[in-house]
């Protein structure tokens, strides 16, 4: 499975789903996801804002290693824009359909659903 996921992916859609419904994470979000053959992952997502402080607050990035099993990918975070993510294992359900990858992370907030397209 690792061979199929290795590469560069561009963010197409980032939604949050909870009891209130589905909403965009932020307007104008864009990002890049990289999976390497030797087991590393890097995620960089942000949004366009008019002020630097709003832009900085919109940054979501981390890097580390990853493992794949039948229906989940686990990202072991080594470096991140949020201190609370460092050292954590972030589990994602995934579906892969050709050049489209959907990652779903679950938490107290509900589910983060990220749609990626292979570059």
C-alpha atoms as a PDB file:
ATOM      1  CA  UNK A   1       0.000   0.000   0.000  1.00  0.00           C
ATOM      2  CA  UNK A   2       2.879   2.378   0.727  1.00  0.00           C
ATOM      3  CA  UNK A   3       3.794   2.541  -2.991  1.00  0.00           C
ATOM      4  CA  UNK A   4       0.287   3.776  -3.835  1.00  0.00           C
ATOM      5  CA  UNK A   5       0.336   6.644  -1.343  1.00  0.00           C
ATOM      6  CA  UNK A   6       3.904   7.886  -1.869  1.00  0.00           C
ATOM      7  CA  UNK A   7       4.062  11.245  -3.606  1.00  0.00           C
ATOM      8  CA  UNK A   8       2.842  14.820  -3.462  1.00  0.00           C
ATOM      9  CA  UNK A   9      -0.792  15.684  -2.799  1.00  0.00           C
ATOM     10  CA  UNK A  10      -2.612  19.042  -3.034  1.00  0.00           C
ATOM     11  CA  UNK A  11      -5.464  19.912  -0.679  1.00  0.00           C
ATOM     12  CA  UNK A  12      -8.789  20.199  -2.486  1.00  0.00           C
ATOM     13  CA  UNK A  13     -11.221  20.399   0.431  1.00  0.00           C
ATOM     14  CA  UNK A  14     -10.982  20.522   4.249  1.00  0.00           C
ATOM     15  CA  UNK A  15     -14.245  20.133   6.168  1.00  0.00           C
ATOM     16  CA  UNK A  16     -15.181  19.669   9.807  1.00  0.00           C
ATOM     17  CA  UNK A  17     -18.158  17.401  10.497  1.00  0.00           C
ATOM     18  CA  UNK A  18     -19.892  17.314  13.886  1.00  0.00           C
ATOM     19  CA  UNK A  19     -23.394  17.282  15.394  1.00  0.00           C
ATOM     20  CA  UNK A  20     -24.022  20.768  13.963  1.00  0.00           C
ATOM     21  CA  UNK A  21     -23.346  19.620  10.403  1.00  0.00           C
ATOM     22  CA  UNK A  22     -20.477  20.113   7.967  1.00  0.00           C
ATOM     23  CA  UNK A  23     -18.486  23.336   7.558  1.00  0.00           C
ATOM     24  CA  UNK A  24     -15.258  24.420   5.919  1.00  0.00           C
ATOM     25  CA  UNK A  25     -12.229  24.452   8.231  1.00  0.00           C
ATOM     26  CA  UNK A  26     -11.329  27.927   6.948  1.00  0.00           C
ATOM     27  CA  UNK A  27     -12.030  29.867   3.788  1.00  0.00           C
ATOM     28  CA  UNK A  28      -9.439  29.622   1.013  1.00  0.00           C
ATOM     29  CA  UNK A  29      -7.455  26.815   2.631  1.00  0.00           C
ATOM     30  CA  UNK A  30      -4.646  25.296   0.620  1.00  0.00           C
ATOM     31  CA  UNK A  31      -1.955  22.796   1.416  1.00  0.00           C
ATOM     32  CA  UNK A  32       0.545  20.168   0.416  1.00  0.00           C
ATOM     33  CA  UNK A  33       0.933  16.640   1.783  1.00  0.00           C
ATOM     34  CA  UNK A  34       4.089  14.619   1.083  1.00  0.00           C
ATOM     35  CA  UNK A  35       4.591  10.898   1.684  1.00  0.00           C
ATOM     36  CA  UNK A  36       8.075   9.519   1.001  1.00  0.00           C
ATOM     37  CA  UNK A  37       8.994   5.931   0.157  1.00  0.00           C
ATOM     38  CA  UNK A  38      11.220   5.754   3.240  1.00  0.00           C
ATOM     39  CA  UNK A  39       8.322   6.457   5.603  1.00  0.00           C
ATOM     40  CA  UNK A  40       8.273  10.216   6.161  1.00  0.00           C
ATOM     41  CA  UNK A  41       5.271  12.535   6.004  1.00  0.00           C
ATOM     42  CA  UNK A  42       4.999  16.322   5.828  1.00  0.00           C
ATOM     43  CA  UNK A  43       1.767  18.321   5.940  1.00  0.00           C
ATOM     44  CA  UNK A  44       1.494  22.091   5.403  1.00  0.00           C
ATOM     45  CA  UNK A  45      -1.891  23.830   5.351  1.00  0.00           C
ATOM     46  CA  UNK A  46      -2.832  27.489   5.650  1.00  0.00           C
ATOM     47  CA  UNK A  47      -5.393  30.023   4.501  1.00  0.00           C
ATOM     48  CA  UNK A  48      -5.214  33.443   2.881  1.00  0.00           C
ATOM     49  CA  UNK A  49      -5.809  36.351   5.244  1.00  0.00           C
ATOM     50  CA  UNK A  50      -5.257  40.081   5.070  1.00  0.00           C
ATOM     51  CA  UNK A  51      -3.206  40.402   8.259  1.00  0.00           C
ATOM     52  CA  UNK A  52      -0.056  38.571   9.251  1.00  0.00           C
ATOM     53  CA  UNK A  53      -1.441  37.564  12.656  1.00  0.00           C
ATOM     54  CA  UNK A  54      -4.515  35.944  11.075  1.00  0.00           C
ATOM     55  CA  UNK A  55      -2.275  34.153   8.583  1.00  0.00           C
ATOM     56  CA  UNK A  56       0.034  32.832  11.303  1.00  0.00           C
ATOM     57  CA  UNK A  57      -2.960  31.572  13.298  1.00  0.00           C
ATOM     58  CA  UNK A  58      -4.181  29.670  10.221  1.00  0.00           C
ATOM     59  CA  UNK A  59      -0.995  27.626   9.793  1.00  0.00           C
ATOM     60  CA  UNK A  60      -1.324  23.902  10.427  1.00  0.00           C
ATOM     61  CA  UNK A  61       1.817  21.934   9.702  1.00  0.00           C
ATOM     62  CA  UNK A  62       3.662  18.924  10.986  1.00  0.00           C
ATOM     63  CA  UNK A  63       6.144  16.308   9.870  1.00  0.00           C
ATOM     64  CA  UNK A  64       7.320  12.938  11.057  1.00  0.00           C
ATOM     65  CA  UNK A  65       7.005   9.306  10.083  1.00  0.00           C
ATOM     66  CA  UNK A  66       4.013   7.258   8.991  1.00  0.00           C
ATOM     67  CA  UNK A  67       2.758   3.679   9.001  1.00  0.00           C
ATOM     68  CA  UNK A  68      -0.104   2.249   6.977  1.00  0.00           C
ATOM     69  CA  UNK A  69      -2.357  -0.673   7.754  1.00  0.00           C
ATOM     70  CA  UNK A  70      -5.525  -1.918   6.092  1.00  0.00           C
ATOM     71  CA  UNK A  71      -7.700   1.182   6.619  1.00  0.00           C
ATOM     72  CA  UNK A  72      -5.649   3.601   8.746  1.00  0.00           C
ATOM     73  CA  UNK A  73      -2.537   5.738   8.435  1.00  0.00           C
ATOM     74  CA  UNK A  74      -0.675   6.704  11.595  1.00  0.00           C
ATOM     75  CA  UNK A  75       1.423   9.878  11.562  1.00  0.00           C
ATOM     76  CA  UNK A  76       4.047   9.965  14.347  1.00  0.00           C
ATOM     77  CA  UNK A  77       4.648  13.692  14.779  1.00  0.00           C
ATOM     78  CA  UNK A  78       8.253  14.826  15.244  1.00  0.00           C
ATOM     79  CA  UNK A  79       7.891  18.541  14.401  1.00  0.00           C
ATOM     80  CA  UNK A  80       4.784  20.749  14.323  1.00  0.00           C
ATOM     81  CA  UNK A  81       3.380  24.269  14.306  1.00  0.00           C
ATOM     82  CA  UNK A  82       1.475  23.322  17.467  1.00  0.00           C
ATOM     83  CA  UNK A  83       3.548  22.183  20.452  1.00  0.00           C
ATOM     84  CA  UNK A  84       0.713  19.901  21.616  1.00  0.00           C
ATOM     85  CA  UNK A  85       1.061  17.726  18.478  1.00  0.00           C
ATOM     86  CA  UNK A  86       4.770  16.956  18.940  1.00  0.00           C
ATOM     87  CA  UNK A  87       5.317  13.361  20.038  1.00  0.00           C
ATOM     88  CA  UNK A  88       1.707  12.385  19.313  1.00  0.00           C
ATOM     89  CA  UNK A  89       0.461   9.684  16.976  1.00  0.00           C
ATOM     90  CA  UNK A  90      -2.265  11.051  14.744  1.00  0.00           C
ATOM     91  CA  UNK A  91      -4.433   8.284  13.353  1.00  0.00           C
ATOM     92  CA  UNK A  92      -6.293   8.872  10.092  1.00  0.00           C
ATOM     93  CA  UNK A  93      -8.843   6.702   8.325  1.00  0.00           C
ATOM     94  CA  UNK A  94      -8.175   6.801   4.614  1.00  0.00           C
ATOM     95  CA  UNK A  95      -9.667   5.977   1.253  1.00  0.00           C
ATOM     96  CA  UNK A  96      -7.628   6.013  -1.921  1.00  0.00           C
ATOM     97  CA  UNK A  97      -9.301   6.130  -5.322  1.00  0.00           C
ATOM     98  CA  UNK A  98      -6.795   6.638  -8.118  1.00  0.00           C
ATOM     99  CA  UNK A  99      -5.394  10.150  -7.699  1.00  0.00           C
ATOM    100  CA  UNK A 100      -7.778  11.066  -4.877  1.00  0.00           C
ATOM    101  CA  UNK A 101      -7.016  10.526  -1.208  1.00  0.00           C
ATOM    102  CA  UNK A 102      -9.414  11.261   1.651  1.00  0.00           C
ATOM    103  CA  UNK A 103      -8.040  11.390   5.196  1.00  0.00           C
ATOM    104  CA  UNK A 104     -10.391  11.539   8.187  1.00  0.00           C
ATOM    105  CA  UNK A 105      -9.187  12.369  11.687  1.00  0.00           C
ATOM    106  CA  UNK A 106     -11.543  12.107  14.639  1.00  0.00           C
ATOM    107  CA  UNK A 107     -11.509  13.961  17.951  1.00  0.00           C
ATOM    108  CA  UNK A 108     -13.649  15.814  20.491  1.00  0.00           C
ATOM    109  CA  UNK A 109     -14.469  18.387  17.791  1.00  0.00           C
ATOM    110  CA  UNK A 110     -15.988  15.735  15.494  1.00  0.00           C
ATOM    111  CA  UNK A 111     -14.239  14.675  12.283  1.00  0.00           C
ATOM    112  CA  UNK A 112     -11.770  16.543  10.090  1.00  0.00           C
ATOM    113  CA  UNK A 113     -12.188  15.357   6.497  1.00  0.00           C
ATOM    114  CA  UNK A 114      -9.417  16.312   4.088  1.00  0.00           C
ATOM    115  CA  UNK A 115      -9.642  15.661   0.364  1.00  0.00           C
ATOM    116  CA  UNK A 116      -6.302  15.518  -1.475  1.00  0.00           C
ATOM    117  CA  UNK A 117      -5.428  15.142  -5.151  1.00  0.00           C
ATOM    118  CA  UNK A 118      -2.150  13.697  -6.418  1.00  0.00           C
ATOM    119  CA  UNK A 119       0.077  16.216  -8.181  1.00  0.00           C
END
